[in-house]
């Protein structure tokens, strides 16, 4: 049975084959593992905040929001350790 640790290691092996360590560290330093019952969902998240607020001199605020972001996402079968679904966007 593939454990959470095994799922994370499978994910890191695949990610290392398509992304440089510097790219992963700079953009996707957070790896999240979710238990979906029969599978593990493992995906990268951007390390920076999704929303940034900046006060402007005129008293208003500027809001910058990050949506999406790409990265690698895998669904891994718990029994076999097989990758049953994968997606990657730069």
N, C-alpha and C. Protein backbone atom coordinates (compact mmCIF):
# COMPACT_ATOMS: atom_id res chain seq x y z
N UNK A 1 0.84 -1.18 0.00
CA UNK A 1 0.00 0.00 0.00
C UNK A 1 0.88 1.24 0.00
N UNK A 2 0.58 2.19 -0.88
CA UNK A 2 1.33 3.43 -0.96
C UNK A 2 0.92 4.36 0.19
N UNK A 3 1.87 4.70 1.01
CA UNK A 3 1.61 5.60 2.13
C UNK A 3 1.69 7.05 1.65
N UNK A 4 1.32 7.98 2.52
CA UNK A 4 1.44 9.40 2.19
C UNK A 4 2.89 9.75 1.86
N UNK A 5 3.81 9.19 2.64
CA UNK A 5 5.23 9.44 2.40
C UNK A 5 5.65 8.92 1.02
N UNK A 6 5.19 7.72 0.66
CA UNK A 6 5.51 7.15 -0.65
C UNK A 6 4.93 8.01 -1.77
N UNK A 7 3.70 8.48 -1.59
CA UNK A 7 3.07 9.34 -2.60
C UNK A 7 3.88 10.62 -2.79
N UNK A 8 4.34 11.20 -1.70
CA UNK A 8 5.16 12.41 -1.77
C UNK A 8 6.49 12.12 -2.50
N UNK A 9 7.09 10.97 -2.24
CA UNK A 9 8.35 10.60 -2.89
C UNK A 9 8.15 10.36 -4.39
N UNK A 10 7.05 9.71 -4.75
CA UNK A 10 6.73 9.52 -6.17
C UNK A 10 6.58 10.88 -6.85
N UNK A 11 5.84 11.76 -6.20
CA UNK A 11 5.63 13.11 -6.74
C UNK A 11 6.96 13.83 -6.92
N UNK A 12 7.81 13.82 -5.90
CA UNK A 12 9.09 14.52 -5.98
C UNK A 12 9.98 13.96 -7.09
N UNK A 13 9.92 12.66 -7.31
CA UNK A 13 10.71 12.04 -8.39
C UNK A 13 10.23 12.53 -9.75
N UNK A 14 8.91 12.55 -9.95
CA UNK A 14 8.37 13.02 -11.23
C UNK A 14 8.67 14.52 -11.40
N UNK A 15 8.45 15.31 -10.36
CA UNK A 15 8.69 16.75 -10.45
C UNK A 15 10.16 17.05 -10.79
N UNK A 16 11.07 16.30 -10.19
CA UNK A 16 12.50 16.52 -10.43
C UNK A 16 12.88 16.21 -11.88
N UNK A 17 12.09 15.38 -12.55
CA UNK A 17 12.42 15.04 -13.94
C UNK A 17 11.93 16.10 -14.92
N UNK A 18 11.03 17.00 -14.50
CA UNK A 18 10.50 18.01 -15.42
C UNK A 18 10.77 19.44 -14.99
N UNK A 19 11.19 19.65 -13.76
CA UNK A 19 11.47 21.00 -13.25
C UNK A 19 12.83 21.01 -12.57
N UNK A 20 13.56 22.09 -12.74
CA UNK A 20 14.84 22.21 -12.05
C UNK A 20 14.59 22.45 -10.57
N UNK A 21 15.52 22.06 -9.71
CA UNK A 21 15.37 22.33 -8.28
C UNK A 21 15.20 23.82 -7.98
N UNK A 22 15.91 24.66 -8.73
CA UNK A 22 15.80 26.11 -8.51
C UNK A 22 14.39 26.61 -8.84
N UNK A 23 13.79 26.09 -9.91
CA UNK A 23 12.43 26.49 -10.29
C UNK A 23 11.43 26.07 -9.21
N UNK A 24 11.56 24.85 -8.74
CA UNK A 24 10.63 24.35 -7.71
C UNK A 24 10.77 25.15 -6.42
N UNK A 25 12.00 25.44 -6.04
CA UNK A 25 12.22 26.18 -4.79
C UNK A 25 11.67 27.60 -4.90
N UNK A 26 11.85 28.22 -6.05
CA UNK A 26 11.41 29.60 -6.24
C UNK A 26 9.89 29.72 -6.38
N UNK A 27 9.27 28.76 -7.09
CA UNK A 27 7.84 28.91 -7.42
C UNK A 27 6.91 27.95 -6.68
N UNK A 28 7.35 26.72 -6.44
CA UNK A 28 6.44 25.71 -5.91
C UNK A 28 7.06 24.96 -4.74
N UNK A 29 7.37 25.68 -3.69
CA UNK A 29 8.05 25.04 -2.57
C UNK A 29 7.10 24.28 -1.64
N UNK A 30 5.81 24.41 -1.86
CA UNK A 30 4.83 23.73 -1.02
C UNK A 30 4.24 22.54 -1.78
N UNK A 31 4.37 21.34 -1.23
CA UNK A 31 3.77 20.15 -1.81
C UNK A 31 2.68 19.68 -0.85
N UNK A 32 1.46 19.56 -1.36
CA UNK A 32 0.31 19.18 -0.54
C UNK A 32 -0.16 17.78 -0.93
N UNK A 33 -0.46 16.96 0.07
CA UNK A 33 -0.97 15.61 -0.15
C UNK A 33 -2.35 15.51 0.48
N UNK A 34 -3.34 15.07 -0.32
CA UNK A 34 -4.71 14.95 0.15
C UNK A 34 -5.16 13.50 0.01
N UNK A 35 -5.74 12.96 1.07
CA UNK A 35 -6.27 11.60 1.08
C UNK A 35 -7.66 11.59 0.45
N UNK A 36 -7.80 10.92 -0.70
CA UNK A 36 -9.09 10.83 -1.39
C UNK A 36 -9.73 9.45 -1.27
N UNK A 37 -9.36 8.71 -0.26
CA UNK A 37 -9.92 7.36 -0.10
C UNK A 37 -9.05 6.32 -0.77
N UNK A 38 -9.29 6.07 -2.06
CA UNK A 38 -8.51 5.06 -2.80
C UNK A 38 -7.26 5.64 -3.43
N UNK A 39 -7.15 6.96 -3.47
CA UNK A 39 -5.99 7.61 -4.10
C UNK A 39 -5.46 8.73 -3.22
N UNK A 40 -4.22 9.13 -3.52
CA UNK A 40 -3.63 10.34 -2.96
C UNK A 40 -3.60 11.38 -4.07
N UNK A 41 -4.03 12.60 -3.77
CA UNK A 41 -3.82 13.73 -4.69
C UNK A 41 -2.62 14.49 -4.15
N UNK A 42 -1.64 14.68 -5.02
CA UNK A 42 -0.42 15.39 -4.61
C UNK A 42 -0.20 16.51 -5.61
N UNK A 43 -0.02 17.73 -5.10
CA UNK A 43 0.14 18.86 -6.01
C UNK A 43 1.02 19.93 -5.40
N UNK A 44 1.54 20.78 -6.28
CA UNK A 44 2.40 21.89 -5.88
C UNK A 44 1.55 23.14 -5.67
N UNK A 45 1.99 23.95 -4.73
CA UNK A 45 1.36 25.25 -4.52
C UNK A 45 2.43 26.32 -4.52
N UNK A 46 2.04 27.49 -4.98
CA UNK A 46 2.97 28.61 -4.95
C UNK A 46 3.20 29.05 -3.52
N UNK A 47 4.44 29.42 -3.22
CA UNK A 47 4.76 29.78 -1.86
C UNK A 47 4.33 31.20 -1.48
N UNK A 48 4.14 32.06 -2.47
CA UNK A 48 3.77 33.43 -2.14
C UNK A 48 2.27 33.56 -1.91
N UNK A 49 1.91 34.62 -1.22
CA UNK A 49 0.50 34.86 -0.92
C UNK A 49 -0.30 35.06 -2.20
N UNK A 50 -1.55 34.66 -2.15
CA UNK A 50 -2.43 34.79 -3.30
C UNK A 50 -2.90 36.24 -3.50
N UNK A 51 -2.94 37.02 -2.42
CA UNK A 51 -3.38 38.41 -2.53
C UNK A 51 -2.39 39.33 -1.82
N UNK A 52 -2.11 40.46 -2.46
CA UNK A 52 -1.20 41.44 -1.89
C UNK A 52 -1.88 42.80 -1.92
N UNK A 53 -1.90 43.48 -0.78
CA UNK A 53 -2.52 44.79 -0.67
C UNK A 53 -1.43 45.84 -0.49
N UNK A 54 -1.52 46.91 -1.27
CA UNK A 54 -0.55 48.00 -1.17
C UNK A 54 -1.31 49.30 -1.00
N UNK A 55 -0.98 50.05 0.05
CA UNK A 55 -1.60 51.36 0.26
C UNK A 55 -1.00 52.38 -0.70
N UNK A 56 -1.86 53.15 -1.34
CA UNK A 56 -1.42 54.18 -2.28
C UNK A 56 -1.46 55.54 -1.59
N UNK A 57 -0.67 56.50 -2.07
CA UNK A 57 -0.62 57.83 -1.45
C UNK A 57 -1.97 58.54 -1.41
N UNK A 58 -2.89 58.23 -2.30
CA UNK A 58 -4.19 58.90 -2.34
C UNK A 58 -5.20 58.27 -1.37
N UNK A 59 -4.76 57.33 -0.52
CA UNK A 59 -5.65 56.71 0.46
C UNK A 59 -6.33 55.44 -0.03
N UNK A 60 -6.23 55.15 -1.30
CA UNK A 60 -6.81 53.92 -1.83
C UNK A 60 -5.81 52.77 -1.67
N UNK A 61 -6.28 51.57 -1.97
CA UNK A 61 -5.41 50.39 -1.93
C UNK A 61 -5.36 49.75 -3.30
N UNK A 62 -4.20 49.20 -3.62
CA UNK A 62 -4.05 48.42 -4.84
C UNK A 62 -4.04 46.95 -4.40
N UNK A 63 -4.79 46.11 -5.11
CA UNK A 63 -4.86 44.70 -4.79
C UNK A 63 -4.30 43.91 -5.97
N UNK A 64 -3.34 43.02 -5.69
CA UNK A 64 -2.81 42.11 -6.69
C UNK A 64 -3.20 40.70 -6.28
N UNK A 65 -3.80 39.96 -7.20
CA UNK A 65 -4.24 38.59 -6.90
C UNK A 65 -3.58 37.62 -7.87
N UNK A 66 -3.17 36.48 -7.34
CA UNK A 66 -2.60 35.42 -8.15
C UNK A 66 -3.63 34.29 -8.25
N UNK A 67 -3.94 33.90 -9.48
CA UNK A 67 -4.89 32.81 -9.70
C UNK A 67 -4.22 31.74 -10.54
N UNK A 68 -4.57 30.52 -10.29
CA UNK A 68 -3.97 29.43 -11.06
C UNK A 68 -2.52 29.25 -10.67
N UNK A 69 -1.65 29.26 -11.63
CA UNK A 69 -0.24 29.17 -11.32
C UNK A 69 0.44 27.94 -11.88
N UNK A 70 -0.33 27.04 -12.44
CA UNK A 70 0.29 25.88 -13.06
C UNK A 70 0.86 24.91 -12.05
N UNK A 71 1.96 24.27 -12.45
CA UNK A 71 2.59 23.29 -11.58
C UNK A 71 2.17 21.88 -11.91
N UNK A 72 2.64 20.97 -11.09
CA UNK A 72 2.40 19.54 -11.29
C UNK A 72 1.33 19.05 -10.32
N UNK A 73 0.49 18.15 -10.81
CA UNK A 73 -0.54 17.53 -9.99
C UNK A 73 -0.62 16.05 -10.36
N UNK A 74 -0.58 15.18 -9.36
CA UNK A 74 -0.67 13.74 -9.59
C UNK A 74 -1.75 13.13 -8.71
N UNK A 75 -2.41 12.12 -9.24
CA UNK A 75 -3.31 11.28 -8.44
C UNK A 75 -2.68 9.90 -8.43
N UNK A 76 -2.42 9.36 -7.24
CA UNK A 76 -1.67 8.12 -7.08
C UNK A 76 -2.53 7.08 -6.37
N UNK A 77 -2.64 5.91 -6.98
CA UNK A 77 -3.41 4.81 -6.41
C UNK A 77 -2.75 4.33 -5.11
N UNK A 78 -3.51 4.23 -4.05
CA UNK A 78 -2.96 3.81 -2.76
C UNK A 78 -2.51 2.36 -2.74
N UNK A 79 -3.20 1.49 -3.45
CA UNK A 79 -2.86 0.06 -3.41
C UNK A 79 -1.61 -0.28 -4.21
N UNK A 80 -1.48 0.34 -5.39
CA UNK A 80 -0.40 -0.04 -6.29
C UNK A 80 0.73 0.99 -6.41
N UNK A 81 0.46 2.23 -6.01
CA UNK A 81 1.44 3.29 -6.19
C UNK A 81 1.48 3.79 -7.63
N UNK A 82 0.51 3.39 -8.45
CA UNK A 82 0.45 3.79 -9.85
C UNK A 82 -0.10 5.21 -9.97
N UNK A 83 0.51 5.99 -10.86
CA UNK A 83 -0.03 7.31 -11.16
C UNK A 83 -1.23 7.11 -12.08
N UNK A 84 -2.42 7.48 -11.60
CA UNK A 84 -3.63 7.26 -12.39
C UNK A 84 -4.05 8.51 -13.14
N UNK A 85 -3.54 9.66 -12.73
CA UNK A 85 -3.82 10.90 -13.44
C UNK A 85 -2.69 11.87 -13.17
N UNK A 86 -2.31 12.62 -14.21
CA UNK A 86 -1.25 13.61 -14.06
C UNK A 86 -1.55 14.83 -14.90
N UNK A 87 -1.19 15.99 -14.40
CA UNK A 87 -1.27 17.20 -15.20
C UNK A 87 -0.12 18.12 -14.82
N UNK A 88 0.34 18.87 -15.82
CA UNK A 88 1.44 19.80 -15.61
C UNK A 88 1.25 21.01 -16.51
N UNK A 89 1.32 22.18 -15.92
CA UNK A 89 1.27 23.43 -16.67
C UNK A 89 2.41 24.31 -16.21
N UNK A 90 3.09 24.91 -17.17
CA UNK A 90 4.16 25.83 -16.82
C UNK A 90 3.60 27.14 -16.38
